N, C-alpha and C. Protein backbone atom coordinates (compact mmCIF):
# COMPACT_ATOMS: atom_id res chain seq x y z
N MET A 1 -1.70 -4.81 19.30
CA MET A 1 -2.63 -5.15 18.24
C MET A 1 -2.98 -3.88 17.48
N VAL A 2 -3.10 -3.99 16.17
CA VAL A 2 -3.41 -2.85 15.31
C VAL A 2 -4.68 -3.14 14.53
N ARG A 3 -5.56 -2.17 14.46
CA ARG A 3 -6.80 -2.32 13.69
C ARG A 3 -6.57 -1.91 12.24
N ALA A 4 -7.34 -2.52 11.35
CA ALA A 4 -7.24 -2.18 9.92
C ALA A 4 -7.53 -0.71 9.69
N SER A 5 -8.49 -0.16 10.41
CA SER A 5 -8.83 1.25 10.23
C SER A 5 -7.66 2.16 10.63
N ASP A 6 -6.86 1.75 11.61
CA ASP A 6 -5.68 2.52 12.00
C ASP A 6 -4.61 2.49 10.91
N LEU A 7 -4.43 1.35 10.26
CA LEU A 7 -3.43 1.24 9.21
C LEU A 7 -3.77 2.12 8.01
N ARG A 8 -5.03 2.29 7.72
CA ARG A 8 -5.44 3.09 6.57
C ARG A 8 -5.11 4.57 6.76
N MET A 9 -4.82 5.00 7.96
CA MET A 9 -4.52 6.39 8.25
C MET A 9 -3.03 6.70 8.15
N ARG A 10 -2.20 5.70 7.84
CA ARG A 10 -0.75 5.87 7.83
C ARG A 10 -0.21 5.97 6.41
N ASP A 11 0.75 6.87 6.23
CA ASP A 11 1.41 7.00 4.93
C ASP A 11 2.27 5.78 4.66
N VAL A 12 2.34 5.38 3.39
CA VAL A 12 3.23 4.30 2.96
C VAL A 12 4.39 4.97 2.24
N VAL A 13 5.63 4.70 2.71
CA VAL A 13 6.83 5.34 2.17
C VAL A 13 7.82 4.27 1.75
N ASN A 14 8.38 4.43 0.55
CA ASN A 14 9.40 3.53 0.04
C ASN A 14 10.75 3.96 0.63
N VAL A 15 11.41 3.08 1.37
CA VAL A 15 12.68 3.42 2.02
C VAL A 15 13.83 3.54 1.02
N LEU A 16 13.68 3.00 -0.18
CA LEU A 16 14.75 3.05 -1.16
C LEU A 16 14.97 4.45 -1.71
N ASP A 17 13.88 5.20 -1.91
CA ASP A 17 14.03 6.54 -2.47
C ASP A 17 13.24 7.62 -1.73
N GLY A 18 12.56 7.25 -0.65
CA GLY A 18 11.81 8.22 0.14
C GLY A 18 10.48 8.63 -0.46
N THR A 19 10.05 7.95 -1.52
CA THR A 19 8.79 8.30 -2.18
C THR A 19 7.59 7.97 -1.31
N ARG A 20 6.69 8.94 -1.17
CA ARG A 20 5.42 8.70 -0.49
C ARG A 20 4.49 8.06 -1.50
N LEU A 21 4.06 6.83 -1.23
CA LEU A 21 3.21 6.10 -2.17
C LEU A 21 1.74 6.38 -1.95
N GLY A 22 1.36 6.84 -0.78
CA GLY A 22 -0.04 7.13 -0.49
C GLY A 22 -0.52 6.39 0.74
N LEU A 23 -1.83 6.29 0.86
CA LEU A 23 -2.45 5.61 1.99
C LEU A 23 -2.98 4.26 1.53
N ILE A 24 -3.05 3.31 2.44
CA ILE A 24 -3.57 1.99 2.12
C ILE A 24 -5.06 2.10 1.82
N SER A 25 -5.48 1.48 0.71
CA SER A 25 -6.89 1.48 0.37
C SER A 25 -7.55 0.14 0.65
N ASP A 26 -6.73 -0.92 0.68
CA ASP A 26 -7.29 -2.26 0.86
C ASP A 26 -6.18 -3.22 1.28
N PHE A 27 -6.59 -4.44 1.60
CA PHE A 27 -5.66 -5.50 2.00
C PHE A 27 -5.97 -6.75 1.20
N GLU A 28 -4.98 -7.61 1.05
CA GLU A 28 -5.22 -8.96 0.56
C GLU A 28 -4.94 -9.89 1.73
N MET A 29 -5.82 -10.88 1.91
CA MET A 29 -5.66 -11.83 3.02
C MET A 29 -5.72 -13.25 2.51
N ASP A 30 -4.99 -14.12 3.19
CA ASP A 30 -5.10 -15.56 2.97
C ASP A 30 -6.22 -16.03 3.89
N LEU A 31 -7.33 -16.45 3.33
CA LEU A 31 -8.50 -16.82 4.14
C LEU A 31 -8.26 -18.08 4.97
N GLU A 32 -7.38 -18.94 4.53
CA GLU A 32 -7.11 -20.16 5.29
C GLU A 32 -6.31 -19.87 6.55
N THR A 33 -5.34 -18.96 6.47
CA THR A 33 -4.50 -18.66 7.63
C THR A 33 -4.95 -17.41 8.38
N GLY A 34 -5.71 -16.55 7.70
CA GLY A 34 -6.13 -15.30 8.32
C GLY A 34 -5.05 -14.24 8.34
N LYS A 35 -3.97 -14.44 7.57
CA LYS A 35 -2.85 -13.49 7.55
C LYS A 35 -2.97 -12.54 6.37
N VAL A 36 -2.52 -11.30 6.61
CA VAL A 36 -2.47 -10.31 5.54
C VAL A 36 -1.30 -10.69 4.62
N THR A 37 -1.55 -10.73 3.31
CA THR A 37 -0.50 -11.08 2.36
C THR A 37 0.02 -9.87 1.58
N ALA A 38 -0.78 -8.79 1.52
CA ALA A 38 -0.35 -7.60 0.79
C ALA A 38 -1.21 -6.40 1.17
N PHE A 39 -0.64 -5.21 0.99
CA PHE A 39 -1.36 -3.95 1.11
C PHE A 39 -1.63 -3.44 -0.30
N ILE A 40 -2.76 -2.81 -0.50
CA ILE A 40 -3.12 -2.21 -1.78
C ILE A 40 -3.08 -0.69 -1.62
N VAL A 41 -2.34 -0.02 -2.52
CA VAL A 41 -2.24 1.44 -2.51
C VAL A 41 -2.71 1.94 -3.87
N PRO A 42 -3.61 2.91 -3.92
CA PRO A 42 -4.06 3.43 -5.22
C PRO A 42 -2.90 4.05 -5.99
N GLY A 43 -2.93 3.87 -7.31
CA GLY A 43 -1.92 4.48 -8.17
C GLY A 43 -2.19 5.95 -8.36
N PRO A 44 -1.36 6.61 -9.15
CA PRO A 44 -1.57 8.05 -9.39
C PRO A 44 -2.85 8.31 -10.16
N GLY A 45 -3.46 9.45 -9.90
CA GLY A 45 -4.69 9.83 -10.59
C GLY A 45 -4.40 10.25 -12.03
N ARG A 46 -5.44 10.26 -12.85
CA ARG A 46 -5.27 10.62 -14.25
C ARG A 46 -5.33 12.13 -14.47
N PHE A 47 -6.13 12.84 -13.69
CA PHE A 47 -6.32 14.27 -13.90
C PHE A 47 -6.03 15.01 -12.60
N LEU A 48 -4.96 15.75 -12.58
CA LEU A 48 -4.55 16.53 -11.41
C LEU A 48 -4.36 15.67 -10.17
N GLY A 49 -4.13 14.36 -10.36
CA GLY A 49 -3.82 13.49 -9.25
C GLY A 49 -4.98 13.05 -8.39
N PHE A 50 -6.22 13.42 -8.74
CA PHE A 50 -7.30 13.02 -7.85
C PHE A 50 -8.56 12.51 -8.55
N ILE A 51 -8.67 12.64 -9.85
CA ILE A 51 -9.87 12.16 -10.53
C ILE A 51 -9.53 10.90 -11.32
N GLY A 52 -10.16 9.79 -10.97
CA GLY A 52 -9.99 8.54 -11.70
C GLY A 52 -8.63 7.91 -11.52
N ARG A 53 -8.61 6.67 -11.13
CA ARG A 53 -7.37 5.94 -10.96
C ARG A 53 -7.40 4.73 -11.89
N GLU A 54 -6.35 4.58 -12.69
CA GLU A 54 -6.31 3.47 -13.63
C GLU A 54 -5.69 2.22 -13.04
N VAL A 55 -4.76 2.39 -12.12
CA VAL A 55 -4.06 1.24 -11.55
C VAL A 55 -4.01 1.34 -10.03
N GLU A 56 -3.76 0.21 -9.42
CA GLU A 56 -3.46 0.19 -7.99
C GLU A 56 -2.20 -0.64 -7.84
N TYR A 57 -1.49 -0.42 -6.76
CA TYR A 57 -0.22 -1.09 -6.55
C TYR A 57 -0.34 -2.05 -5.38
N VAL A 58 0.16 -3.26 -5.59
CA VAL A 58 0.12 -4.30 -4.57
C VAL A 58 1.51 -4.41 -3.95
N ILE A 59 1.56 -4.24 -2.64
CA ILE A 59 2.83 -4.33 -1.92
C ILE A 59 2.81 -5.60 -1.10
N PRO A 60 3.58 -6.62 -1.52
CA PRO A 60 3.58 -7.90 -0.80
C PRO A 60 4.05 -7.73 0.65
N TRP A 61 3.53 -8.55 1.53
CA TRP A 61 3.87 -8.49 2.95
C TRP A 61 5.38 -8.57 3.17
N GLU A 62 6.07 -9.35 2.36
CA GLU A 62 7.52 -9.53 2.51
C GLU A 62 8.28 -8.23 2.29
N ARG A 63 7.68 -7.27 1.60
CA ARG A 63 8.33 -5.98 1.31
C ARG A 63 8.05 -4.92 2.36
N ILE A 64 7.21 -5.22 3.34
CA ILE A 64 6.91 -4.28 4.42
C ILE A 64 8.00 -4.41 5.47
N LYS A 65 8.72 -3.32 5.70
CA LYS A 65 9.86 -3.35 6.61
C LYS A 65 9.52 -2.93 8.03
N LYS A 66 8.63 -1.96 8.17
CA LYS A 66 8.31 -1.45 9.51
C LYS A 66 6.95 -0.79 9.49
N ILE A 67 6.13 -1.11 10.47
CA ILE A 67 4.85 -0.44 10.65
C ILE A 67 4.98 0.42 11.90
N GLY A 68 5.08 1.74 11.68
CA GLY A 68 5.25 2.67 12.78
C GLY A 68 3.92 3.29 13.18
N THR A 69 3.98 4.24 14.09
CA THR A 69 2.77 4.89 14.58
C THR A 69 2.17 5.85 13.55
N ASP A 70 3.01 6.41 12.65
CA ASP A 70 2.53 7.37 11.66
C ASP A 70 2.77 6.94 10.21
N VAL A 71 3.66 5.99 10.02
CA VAL A 71 4.09 5.65 8.67
C VAL A 71 4.36 4.15 8.55
N ILE A 72 4.19 3.63 7.34
CA ILE A 72 4.53 2.24 7.04
C ILE A 72 5.67 2.29 6.03
N LEU A 73 6.81 1.70 6.39
CA LEU A 73 7.98 1.71 5.53
C LEU A 73 8.02 0.42 4.72
N VAL A 74 8.20 0.58 3.41
CA VAL A 74 8.27 -0.57 2.51
C VAL A 74 9.56 -0.49 1.70
N ASP A 75 10.00 -1.62 1.20
CA ASP A 75 11.22 -1.71 0.42
C ASP A 75 10.85 -2.28 -0.94
N ILE A 76 10.56 -1.37 -1.89
CA ILE A 76 10.22 -1.83 -3.24
C ILE A 76 11.02 -1.02 -4.25
N PRO A 77 11.62 -1.71 -5.21
CA PRO A 77 12.43 -1.01 -6.22
C PRO A 77 11.55 -0.44 -7.33
N GLY A 78 10.62 0.41 -6.98
CA GLY A 78 9.61 0.92 -7.92
C GLY A 78 8.28 0.31 -7.55
N TYR A 79 7.24 0.75 -8.18
CA TYR A 79 5.92 0.23 -7.85
C TYR A 79 5.82 -1.24 -8.23
N THR A 80 5.10 -2.01 -7.42
CA THR A 80 5.01 -3.45 -7.60
C THR A 80 3.63 -3.87 -8.09
N ASP A 81 3.60 -4.74 -9.07
CA ASP A 81 2.37 -5.39 -9.52
C ASP A 81 1.22 -4.42 -9.80
N PRO A 82 1.44 -3.44 -10.73
CA PRO A 82 0.30 -2.57 -11.03
C PRO A 82 -0.80 -3.37 -11.70
N ARG A 83 -2.01 -3.12 -11.33
CA ARG A 83 -3.16 -3.82 -11.92
C ARG A 83 -4.33 -2.86 -12.02
N PRO A 84 -5.25 -3.12 -12.92
CA PRO A 84 -6.40 -2.22 -13.03
C PRO A 84 -7.18 -2.15 -11.73
N SER A 85 -7.70 -0.99 -11.42
CA SER A 85 -8.54 -0.84 -10.22
C SER A 85 -9.82 -1.62 -10.37
N ARG A 86 -10.39 -1.99 -9.24
CA ARG A 86 -11.66 -2.73 -9.25
C ARG A 86 -12.82 -1.82 -9.45
């Protein structure tokens, strides 16, 4: 069993090009089934990579290939479903 707080400490890496996408900031869940449907990763910052984020990236559960002890491997051909941050 894995806790949500443990997952937030793991890097998310795209296996297609080795890009480090960042750390998980949030999850999307199906409230009826209680299953995680996607991970949310903050997009790049606007100023020097750390001040203000305009978008976040949604990684659907189907694109998650492996959850390891230090890293989460995903298979996405570029960032998926960018949307404005909340």
